[in-house]
Amino acid sequence: MQSGPGIENNPILALLGDSTDGPDDPVEQTHSIFWRVHDPIERCSQIRSTAPPPVDLPNSDLFWATIDVNNTADNEELYQFLSKNYGADNVQYRLCYTRDHLAWILQPPGYLPALHLALRQKISGSSDQASQLVGFVAGIPCTISLREAPNSNEPELVPSMEVNLLCLTPALRGLGLGPLLIREITRRILTLCPRTQMAVYTTSVPLPGEVARSRYYYQPLNIPRLVECGWMPTPDAAEADYYRLPRSSLRPTVRRLSVADISEARSLLNRQQAQFCMGRHWDSDIEFQHCFLPRPDGTVETWIIESPPEDGTHHLAGLISFSVIPFVPQTLGREAPSTGGPIRAAFANYAVVDCPRPAETPGEGHIHPCPQRLVEIYTDALIVARDLCNAHLFNILDTQHCIELVEPLHFNPVMAATMHVYIYNRKVRNLTAPEIGIVLS
């Protein structure tokens, strides 16, 4: 979740530093101690039992609503709003999700339309009560696995909520409406989702109480395009050769994920994610299929590695997924005709390679890190992103085992691009990036 400048776009600082509730407010109390050790905070039941009313807004021109992404008009309005306003005001490029991609993000199995929270403002002088979208935030259900240390004990599976796409129109930033958006989405989650025990947030700016931070790295895939749009300077011959991929074609055992692979792929990735201190867990094949099956619009790609024939067994030996999202120049709105259109950026999601020890059965037990095989599967992903998805660059975070890719595959740090992770209603010790498996946007 990217955030703009100021307290109104920071979900954690908003509740810590801009509360107008009294000292007995259980929402505020949870935030004074939520980031230290692996324990839940039990006041959720107290909050739910009170069933608080909707959060009051400062004037009668503003009112709460919901976005129906299956409604063409709502989907278009949300797309236009986010493409013009989502992200910080001081960045050169802004993420621009497509309409179909937004619908996919917001509608995983188990989603609730009431958690697609809109803030609307009546249009002055309108006789038909017309209104416009001026704020948005979404709660997206997920299950997170937690453990004290990597591979230390059985992880706890925690029903959770990812709070994402927090956005206010610039004209309303700095007026204290961001905290109200967060309070209202929190109220709805607590009221409508009785199993939810915690929420996770990310911001692009450091705030008090973060549990982890990670850094973005990128690999240029189309240097002429990136030079044309000003993303990078023109490299000399040696630098251009430095970015050349180790090989130019996919290995024969690599192919796209199919529906028939879903169950085995889910088992493989769940086993890997359970080894991290904070990982992701997919509860059903239906949920996994929604998240990973390649999409017709090309925004989600997942490729698998089949075991080589000489292994004597047929099983999935690895998986990698990434999303493709346009970057548009901030100063040119949604279109950039003078620079040939937006940058197509691939973002790595999850990757796993199964390297069983000689005494182990493939597809069972511990997933052992294997740097060389990880480099190989990411090389395949870079080739797919470049040749099949027409991506101009490929981004990774230094979570999971990705820091091991930076040197062999020549990833560069993205200047001032750090993601900060925060947790609501859970006391979690500070984590290093490699202890995190879950991918948060």
Protein backbone atom coordinates (compact mmCIF):
# COMPACT_ATOMS: atom_id res chain seq x y z
CA MET A 1 0.00 0.00 0.00
CA GLN A 2 1.64 3.19 -1.11
CA SER A 3 0.98 6.29 0.89
CA GLY A 4 1.17 9.97 0.23
CA PRO A 5 2.88 12.51 2.46
CA GLY A 6 1.48 13.34 5.83
CA ILE A 7 -0.30 11.57 8.63
CA GLU A 8 -3.59 11.26 6.73
CA ASN A 9 -2.15 8.58 4.43
CA ASN A 10 -0.35 6.55 7.09
CA PRO A 11 -2.54 3.82 8.54
CA ILE A 12 -0.45 3.24 11.64
CA LEU A 13 0.53 6.82 12.45
CA ALA A 14 -3.03 7.88 11.77
CA LEU A 15 -4.30 5.79 14.66
CA LEU A 16 -1.34 6.45 16.91
CA GLY A 17 -1.10 10.17 16.50
CA ASP A 18 -4.42 11.59 15.39
CA SER A 19 -6.95 9.96 17.71
CA THR A 20 -9.75 11.99 19.20
CA ASP A 21 -11.14 9.12 21.23
CA GLY A 22 -10.84 8.85 24.98
CA PRO A 23 -8.26 6.79 26.85
CA ASP A 24 -10.60 3.79 27.09
CA ASP A 25 -10.91 3.40 23.32
CA PRO A 26 -9.82 -0.22 22.67
CA VAL A 27 -8.73 0.56 19.10
CA GLU A 28 -6.17 3.09 20.28
CA GLN A 29 -4.98 0.93 23.18
CA THR A 30 -4.04 -1.95 20.85
CA HIS A 31 -1.60 0.26 19.01
CA SER A 32 0.64 1.07 21.95
CA ILE A 33 2.15 -2.42 22.19
CA PHE A 34 1.32 -4.33 19.01
CA TRP A 35 4.78 -4.77 17.51
CA ARG A 36 6.88 -6.69 20.03
CA VAL A 37 6.25 -10.43 20.52
CA HIS A 38 4.14 -13.18 18.96
CA ASP A 39 0.91 -12.77 20.91
CA PRO A 40 -2.55 -11.60 19.89
CA ILE A 41 -4.21 -8.69 21.65
CA GLU A 42 -7.52 -9.90 23.02
CA ARG A 43 -9.50 -6.69 22.84
CA CYS A 44 -10.98 -7.61 19.43
CA SER A 45 -13.89 -9.37 21.14
CA GLN A 46 -14.52 -6.26 23.23
CA ILE A 47 -14.59 -4.07 20.12
CA ARG A 48 -16.91 -6.47 18.29
CA SER A 49 -19.29 -6.72 21.23
CA THR A 50 -19.86 -2.98 21.24
CA ALA A 51 -20.81 -2.86 17.50
CA PRO A 52 -19.82 0.78 17.10
CA PRO A 53 -21.72 2.95 14.60
CA PRO A 54 -20.09 4.23 11.38
CA VAL A 55 -17.35 6.78 11.93
CA ASP A 56 -18.60 10.37 11.85
CA LEU A 57 -17.36 12.62 9.04
CA PRO A 58 -16.53 16.31 9.55
CA ASN A 59 -19.19 17.77 7.22
CA SER A 60 -22.42 16.79 5.51
CA ASP A 61 -20.93 16.89 2.00
CA LEU A 62 -18.94 13.72 2.76
CA PHE A 63 -20.45 10.27 3.19
CA TRP A 64 -19.42 6.60 3.28
CA ALA A 65 -20.17 4.26 0.38
CA THR A 66 -18.85 1.07 -1.18
CA ILE A 67 -17.40 0.32 -4.61
CA ASP A 68 -18.86 -2.56 -6.61
CA VAL A 69 -16.00 -3.56 -8.91
CA ASN A 70 -18.39 -5.77 -10.90
CA ASN A 71 -20.36 -2.66 -11.81
CA THR A 72 -18.88 -1.09 -14.94
CA ALA A 73 -19.41 2.47 -13.78
CA ASP A 74 -17.95 1.82 -10.31
CA ASN A 75 -14.97 -0.04 -11.74
CA GLU A 76 -14.23 2.78 -14.17
CA GLU A 77 -14.55 5.43 -11.47
CA LEU A 78 -12.18 3.56 -9.17
CA TYR A 79 -9.69 3.02 -11.99
CA GLN A 80 -9.70 6.70 -12.93
CA PHE A 81 -9.43 7.78 -9.30
CA LEU A 82 -6.48 5.52 -8.44
CA SER A 83 -4.65 6.13 -11.71
CA LYS A 84 -4.64 9.86 -10.98
CA ASN A 85 -4.17 9.87 -7.20
CA TYR A 86 -2.65 6.60 -5.89
CA GLY A 87 0.84 6.97 -4.48
CA ALA A 88 2.96 9.76 -3.14
CA ASP A 89 2.97 13.19 -4.74
CA ASN A 90 6.76 13.44 -4.84
CA VAL A 91 7.52 10.41 -7.04
CA GLN A 92 8.44 10.48 -10.72
CA TYR A 93 6.29 7.48 -11.66
CA ARG A 94 2.98 6.18 -10.39
CA LEU A 95 1.60 2.63 -10.48
CA CYS A 96 -1.47 2.38 -12.69
CA TYR A 97 -3.45 -0.82 -12.17
CA THR A 98 -5.68 -1.89 -15.05
CA ARG A 99 -9.43 -2.23 -14.53
CA ASP A 100 -9.30 -6.02 -14.69
CA HIS A 101 -6.32 -6.15 -12.35
CA LEU A 102 -8.15 -4.06 -9.76
CA ALA A 103 -11.13 -6.41 -9.91
CA TRP A 104 -8.79 -9.38 -9.44
CA ILE A 105 -6.98 -7.80 -6.45
CA LEU A 106 -10.21 -6.89 -4.69
CA GLN A 107 -12.14 -10.13 -5.20
CA PRO A 108 -10.25 -13.14 -3.82
CA PRO A 109 -12.38 -15.99 -2.46
CA GLY A 110 -14.08 -14.82 0.73
CA TYR A 111 -13.94 -11.11 -0.08
CA LEU A 112 -16.61 -8.80 1.29
CA PRO A 113 -17.92 -5.94 -0.89
CA ALA A 114 -18.47 -3.87 2.26
CA LEU A 115 -14.68 -3.75 2.70
CA HIS A 116 -14.24 -1.87 -0.57
CA LEU A 117 -14.72 1.37 1.31
CA ALA A 118 -15.33 4.60 -0.59
CA LEU A 119 -15.40 8.16 0.68
CA ARG A 120 -17.64 10.29 -1.52
CA GLN A 121 -18.26 14.03 -1.68
CA LYS A 122 -21.44 15.69 -2.93
CA ILE A 123 -20.87 17.88 -5.94
CA SER A 124 -21.63 21.48 -5.05
CA GLY A 125 -24.54 22.98 -6.95
CA SER A 126 -25.78 19.64 -8.26
CA SER A 127 -29.54 19.24 -8.08
CA ASP A 128 -29.53 15.45 -8.52
CA GLN A 129 -27.34 14.65 -5.48
CA ALA A 130 -24.41 13.71 -7.72
CA SER A 131 -21.19 12.85 -5.92
CA GLN A 132 -17.57 12.05 -6.69
CA LEU A 133 -15.07 9.55 -5.28
CA VAL A 134 -12.51 11.31 -3.09
CA GLY A 135 -11.13 8.46 -0.97
CA PHE A 136 -10.75 4.69 -0.98
CA VAL A 137 -9.31 1.84 1.07
CA ALA A 138 -9.81 -1.93 0.86
CA GLY A 139 -9.62 -4.86 3.26
CA ILE A 140 -8.48 -8.05 1.51
CA PRO A 141 -8.76 -11.36 3.43
CA CYS A 142 -5.74 -13.64 3.72
CA THR A 143 -4.19 -16.20 6.08
CA ILE A 144 -0.74 -15.47 7.50
CA SER A 145 1.58 -18.01 9.10
CA LEU A 146 3.64 -16.84 12.08
CA ARG A 147 6.50 -18.47 13.98
CA GLU A 148 9.12 -17.20 16.41
CA ALA A 149 12.15 -18.06 14.28
CA PRO A 150 12.66 -19.63 10.86
CA ASN A 151 12.00 -23.40 10.99
CA SER A 152 11.75 -23.24 14.80
CA ASN A 153 8.32 -24.72 15.51
CA GLU A 154 4.97 -25.34 13.91
CA PRO A 155 3.65 -22.04 12.53
CA GLU A 156 0.41 -20.55 13.72
CA LEU A 157 -2.09 -19.84 10.94
CA VAL A 158 -3.76 -16.49 11.62
CA PRO A 159 -6.90 -15.31 9.76
CA SER A 160 -5.88 -11.83 8.69
CA MET A 161 -6.70 -8.85 6.54
CA GLU A 162 -4.39 -6.93 4.22
CA VAL A 163 -5.32 -3.25 4.13
CA ASN A 164 -4.48 -1.95 0.68
CA LEU A 165 -5.03 0.79 -1.91
CA LEU A 166 -5.41 3.56 0.68
CA CYS A 167 -5.85 6.75 -1.31
CA LEU A 168 -7.20 10.29 -0.91
CA THR A 169 -7.50 12.98 -3.53
CA PRO A 170 -4.67 15.52 -2.99
CA ALA A 171 -7.17 18.30 -2.28
CA LEU A 172 -8.30 16.48 0.88
CA ARG A 173 -4.93 15.38 2.20
CA GLY A 174 -3.84 17.05 5.40
CA LEU A 175 -7.41 17.43 6.66
CA GLY A 176 -7.45 14.37 8.94
CA LEU A 177 -9.61 12.21 6.65
CA GLY A 178 -7.04 9.43 6.30
CA PRO A 179 -7.41 8.39 9.94
CA LEU A 180 -11.18 8.33 9.47
CA LEU A 181 -10.84 6.01 6.47
CA ILE A 182 -8.70 3.68 8.57
CA ARG A 183 -11.08 3.81 11.53
CA GLU A 184 -14.05 2.99 9.34
CA ILE A 185 -12.36 0.09 7.53
CA THR A 186 -11.16 -1.21 10.92
CA ARG A 187 -14.71 -0.97 12.29
CA ARG A 188 -16.09 -2.87 9.32
CA ILE A 189 -13.46 -5.60 9.56
CA LEU A 190 -14.09 -6.07 13.28
CA THR A 191 -17.85 -6.06 12.80
CA LEU A 192 -18.17 -8.21 9.67
CA CYS A 193 -15.21 -10.61 9.95
CA PRO A 194 -15.43 -12.45 13.29
CA ARG A 195 -12.51 -14.80 12.49
CA THR A 196 -10.06 -12.04 11.59
CA GLN A 197 -7.39 -11.65 14.28
CA MET A 198 -4.90 -9.22 12.77
CA ALA A 199 -4.28 -6.88 9.87
CA VAL A 200 -1.13 -6.05 7.97
CA TYR A 201 -0.26 -2.74 6.33
CA THR A 202 2.65 -1.42 4.30
CA THR A 203 3.81 2.11 3.62
CA SER A 204 6.55 3.68 1.56
CA VAL A 205 7.63 5.96 4.44
CA PRO A 206 9.06 4.97 7.84
CA LEU A 207 6.70 5.29 10.81
CA PRO A 208 6.95 4.36 14.49
CA GLY A 209 6.40 0.69 15.22
CA GLU A 210 7.34 -1.03 11.98
CA VAL A 211 7.91 -4.78 12.27
CA ALA A 212 10.09 -5.01 9.17
CA ARG A 213 11.37 -3.16 6.16
CA SER A 214 12.52 -4.35 2.76
CA ARG A 215 14.09 -2.74 -0.27
CA TYR A 216 13.22 -2.87 -3.96
CA TYR A 217 15.77 -3.90 -6.58
CA TYR A 218 15.32 -3.86 -10.35
CA GLN A 219 16.80 -5.49 -13.42
CA PRO A 220 16.46 -3.59 -16.73
CA LEU A 221 14.98 -5.74 -19.48
CA ASN A 222 14.55 -3.13 -22.23
CA ILE A 223 17.36 -0.62 -21.85
CA PRO A 224 16.47 1.56 -24.88
CA ARG A 225 12.93 2.02 -23.57
CA LEU A 226 14.14 2.87 -20.04
CA VAL A 227 16.64 5.37 -21.43
CA GLU A 228 13.95 6.95 -23.62
CA CYS A 229 11.63 7.59 -20.70
CA GLY A 230 14.39 8.79 -18.37
CA TRP A 231 14.38 5.83 -15.98
CA MET A 232 18.13 5.27 -16.46
CA PRO A 233 20.99 7.00 -18.30
CA THR A 234 22.41 5.57 -21.51
CA PRO A 235 24.79 2.77 -20.52
CA ASP A 236 28.15 2.25 -22.18
CA ALA A 237 28.90 -1.02 -23.98
CA ALA A 238 30.38 -2.67 -20.90
CA GLU A 239 27.39 -1.75 -18.74
CA ALA A 240 24.91 -2.96 -21.37
CA ASP A 241 26.76 -6.26 -21.53
CA TYR A 242 26.70 -6.44 -17.73
CA TYR A 243 22.90 -6.53 -17.79
CA ARG A 244 22.76 -9.32 -20.37
CA LEU A 245 20.91 -12.37 -19.02
CA PRO A 246 22.93 -15.57 -18.50
CA ARG A 247 20.91 -17.30 -21.25
CA SER A 248 18.30 -16.32 -23.79
CA SER A 249 15.81 -19.21 -23.76
CA LEU A 250 13.71 -21.13 -21.24
CA ARG A 251 14.76 -24.51 -19.96
CA PRO A 252 12.73 -27.44 -21.38
CA THR A 253 11.30 -28.32 -17.96
CA VAL A 254 9.71 -24.87 -17.50
CA ARG A 255 6.07 -24.24 -18.46
CA ARG A 256 3.04 -22.18 -17.46
CA LEU A 257 0.99 -23.20 -14.44
CA SER A 258 -2.22 -25.04 -15.39
CA VAL A 259 -5.35 -25.91 -13.42
CA ALA A 260 -4.09 -29.49 -13.11
CA ASP A 261 -1.03 -28.23 -11.18
CA ILE A 262 -2.92 -26.21 -8.57
CA SER A 263 -3.07 -28.70 -5.70
CA GLU A 264 0.58 -29.76 -5.92
CA ALA A 265 1.76 -26.18 -6.41
CA ARG A 266 -0.22 -25.00 -3.38
CA SER A 267 1.29 -27.72 -1.22
CA LEU A 268 4.81 -26.82 -2.38
CA LEU A 269 4.44 -23.10 -1.74
CA ASN A 270 2.63 -23.54 1.60
CA ARG A 271 5.49 -25.74 2.83
CA GLN A 272 8.02 -23.10 1.87
CA GLN A 273 6.06 -20.18 3.32
CA ALA A 274 5.56 -22.00 6.63
CA GLN A 275 9.33 -21.86 7.17
CA PHE A 276 9.44 -18.05 7.35
CA CYS A 277 8.66 -16.07 10.50
CA MET A 278 5.85 -14.34 8.62
CA GLY A 279 4.59 -16.18 5.58
CA ARG A 280 1.46 -16.55 3.49
CA HIS A 281 -0.86 -19.57 3.59
CA TRP A 282 -3.48 -20.50 1.00
CA ASP A 283 -6.42 -22.31 2.59
CA SER A 284 -7.87 -23.89 -0.55
CA ASP A 285 -7.10 -24.78 -4.13
CA ILE A 286 -9.76 -22.26 -5.20
CA GLU A 287 -7.94 -19.43 -3.42
CA PHE A 288 -4.57 -20.53 -4.82
CA GLN A 289 -5.98 -20.74 -8.33
CA HIS A 290 -7.36 -17.21 -8.05
CA CYS A 291 -3.96 -15.88 -6.93
CA PHE A 292 -1.68 -17.76 -9.31
CA LEU A 293 -3.38 -19.03 -12.45
CA PRO A 294 -2.06 -16.88 -15.34
CA ARG A 295 -4.60 -14.27 -16.37
CA PRO A 296 -5.75 -13.60 -19.95
CA ASP A 297 -4.87 -9.90 -19.61
CA GLY A 298 -1.24 -10.79 -18.86
CA THR A 299 -1.14 -9.09 -15.46
CA VAL A 300 -0.36 -12.32 -13.57
CA GLU A 301 2.13 -14.95 -14.73
CA THR A 302 3.04 -18.18 -12.93
CA TRP A 303 5.50 -20.73 -14.29
CA ILE A 304 6.54 -24.07 -12.85
CA ILE A 305 9.52 -26.36 -13.13
CA GLU A 306 8.84 -30.04 -13.69
CA SER A 307 11.33 -32.56 -12.36
CA PRO A 308 13.81 -33.66 -15.04
CA PRO A 309 13.22 -37.14 -16.53
CA GLU A 310 16.47 -38.47 -15.06
CA ASP A 311 15.01 -38.01 -11.55
CA GLY A 312 12.79 -41.00 -12.11
CA THR A 313 9.78 -39.27 -10.52
CA HIS A 314 7.29 -36.73 -11.84
CA HIS A 315 6.70 -33.82 -9.51
CA LEU A 316 6.83 -30.04 -9.38
CA ALA A 317 10.35 -28.94 -8.57
CA GLY A 318 9.70 -25.21 -8.47
CA LEU A 319 7.34 -22.29 -9.05
CA ILE A 320 7.68 -18.58 -9.74
CA SER A 321 5.02 -15.90 -10.17
CA PHE A 322 5.06 -12.21 -10.99
CA SER A 323 2.64 -9.41 -11.87
CA VAL A 324 2.97 -6.85 -14.67
CA ILE A 325 1.79 -3.34 -13.78
CA PRO A 326 2.23 -0.12 -15.80
CA PHE A 327 4.28 2.76 -14.41
CA VAL A 328 3.13 6.13 -15.73
CA PRO A 329 4.97 9.45 -15.39
CA GLN A 330 3.46 11.49 -12.59
CA THR A 331 3.42 14.75 -14.56
CA LEU A 332 1.65 13.31 -17.60
CA GLY A 333 -1.33 11.60 -15.98
CA ARG A 334 -2.37 8.23 -17.30
CA GLU A 335 -0.89 8.64 -20.78
CA ALA A 336 2.66 9.42 -21.81
CA PRO A 337 2.58 9.93 -25.59
CA SER A 338 5.83 11.87 -25.69
CA THR A 339 7.74 8.94 -24.19
CA GLY A 340 5.99 6.08 -25.96
CA GLY A 341 3.51 5.21 -23.21
CA PRO A 342 3.97 3.81 -19.72
CA ILE A 343 6.78 1.64 -18.46
CA ARG A 344 5.73 -1.99 -18.14
CA ALA A 345 7.11 -3.18 -14.79
CA ALA A 346 7.14 -6.79 -13.63
CA PHE A 347 6.98 -7.34 -9.86
CA ALA A 348 8.12 -10.68 -8.43
CA ASN A 349 5.56 -12.34 -6.19
CA TYR A 350 6.59 -15.81 -4.99
CA ALA A 351 9.32 -18.26 -5.94
CA VAL A 352 10.18 -21.68 -4.57
CA VAL A 353 12.51 -24.46 -5.67
CA ASP A 354 12.38 -27.89 -4.06
CA CYS A 355 15.86 -29.25 -3.35
CA PRO A 356 15.30 -32.49 -1.40
CA ARG A 357 18.25 -34.06 0.38
CA PRO A 358 19.17 -37.61 -0.69
CA ALA A 359 17.24 -39.24 2.17
CA GLU A 360 14.08 -37.19 1.55
CA THR A 361 11.13 -37.78 -0.74
CA PRO A 362 10.50 -35.00 -3.29
CA GLY A 363 7.36 -33.05 -2.52
CA GLU A 364 7.44 -33.70 1.22
CA GLY A 365 9.04 -32.14 4.29
CA HIS A 366 11.48 -29.24 4.46
CA ILE A 367 12.22 -26.89 1.56
CA HIS A 368 16.00 -26.39 1.53
CA PRO A 369 17.37 -23.11 0.13
CA CYS A 370 19.25 -23.69 -3.12
CA PRO A 371 20.76 -20.42 -4.40
CA GLN A 372 21.83 -21.78 -7.78
CA ARG A 373 18.38 -23.20 -8.57
CA LEU A 374 16.80 -19.95 -7.39
CA VAL A 375 19.00 -18.02 -9.83
CA GLU A 376 17.94 -20.42 -12.60
CA ILE A 377 14.20 -20.02 -12.00
CA TYR A 378 14.50 -16.24 -11.78
CA THR A 379 16.43 -16.26 -15.04
CA ASP A 380 13.47 -18.09 -16.57
CA ALA A 381 11.12 -15.46 -15.13
CA LEU A 382 13.22 -12.61 -16.54
CA ILE A 383 13.10 -14.22 -19.98
CA VAL A 384 9.33 -14.68 -19.78
CA ALA A 385 8.82 -11.10 -18.59
CA ARG A 386 11.00 -9.69 -21.38
CA ASP A 387 9.99 -11.88 -24.32
CA LEU A 388 6.38 -12.85 -23.60
CA CYS A 389 5.09 -9.99 -21.41
CA ASN A 390 7.01 -7.13 -23.04
CA ALA A 391 8.11 -5.91 -19.61
CA HIS A 392 10.73 -3.17 -19.53
CA LEU A 393 12.09 -3.91 -16.05
CA PHE A 394 11.76 -6.56 -13.34
CA ASN A 395 11.43 -5.68 -9.63
CA ILE A 396 12.15 -7.79 -6.57
CA LEU A 397 12.08 -7.18 -2.84
CA ASP A 398 14.90 -8.48 -0.65
CA THR A 399 12.42 -10.68 1.27
CA GLN A 400 12.36 -14.48 1.11
CA HIS A 401 15.73 -15.51 -0.39
CA CYS A 402 15.81 -12.79 -3.03
CA ILE A 403 18.89 -11.00 -1.70
CA GLU A 404 20.85 -13.95 -3.11
CA LEU A 405 19.80 -12.85 -6.63
CA VAL A 406 21.19 -9.32 -6.49
CA GLU A 407 24.80 -10.14 -7.37
CA PRO A 408 24.49 -13.04 -9.85
CA LEU A 409 21.60 -11.48 -11.80
CA HIS A 410 22.82 -7.86 -11.49
CA PHE A 411 19.82 -6.33 -9.76
CA ASN A 412 20.19 -2.67 -8.79
CA PRO A 413 18.62 -0.99 -5.75
CA VAL A 414 15.76 1.34 -6.61
CA MET A 415 16.64 4.71 -5.13
CA ALA A 416 14.54 5.59 -2.07
CA ALA A 417 12.24 2.61 -2.65
CA THR A 418 11.75 0.91 0.71
CA MET A 419 8.64 -0.88 1.93
CA HIS A 420 7.78 -0.71 5.64
CA VAL A 421 5.58 -3.37 7.23
CA TYR A 422 3.18 -2.82 10.15
CA ILE A 423 0.81 -5.14 11.97
CA TYR A 424 -2.44 -4.33 13.76
CA ASN A 425 -3.60 -6.32 16.82
CA ARG A 426 -0.57 -8.62 17.03
CA LYS A 427 2.62 -8.28 19.02
CA VAL A 428 5.45 -9.37 16.72
CA ARG A 429 9.17 -8.91 17.23
CA ASN A 430 11.16 -6.94 14.66
CA LEU A 431 11.90 -9.09 11.62
CA THR A 432 14.63 -8.95 9.01
CA ALA A 433 13.65 -8.99 5.35
CA PRO A 434 14.83 -12.60 4.75
CA GLU A 435 12.54 -13.75 7.61
CA ILE A 436 9.49 -12.58 5.64
CA GLY A 437 7.90 -14.81 3.04
CA ILE A 438 4.62 -13.04 2.40
CA VAL A 439 4.54 -10.57 -0.49
CA LEU A 440 2.67 -7.38 0.34
CA SER A 441 1.84 -4.66 -2.14
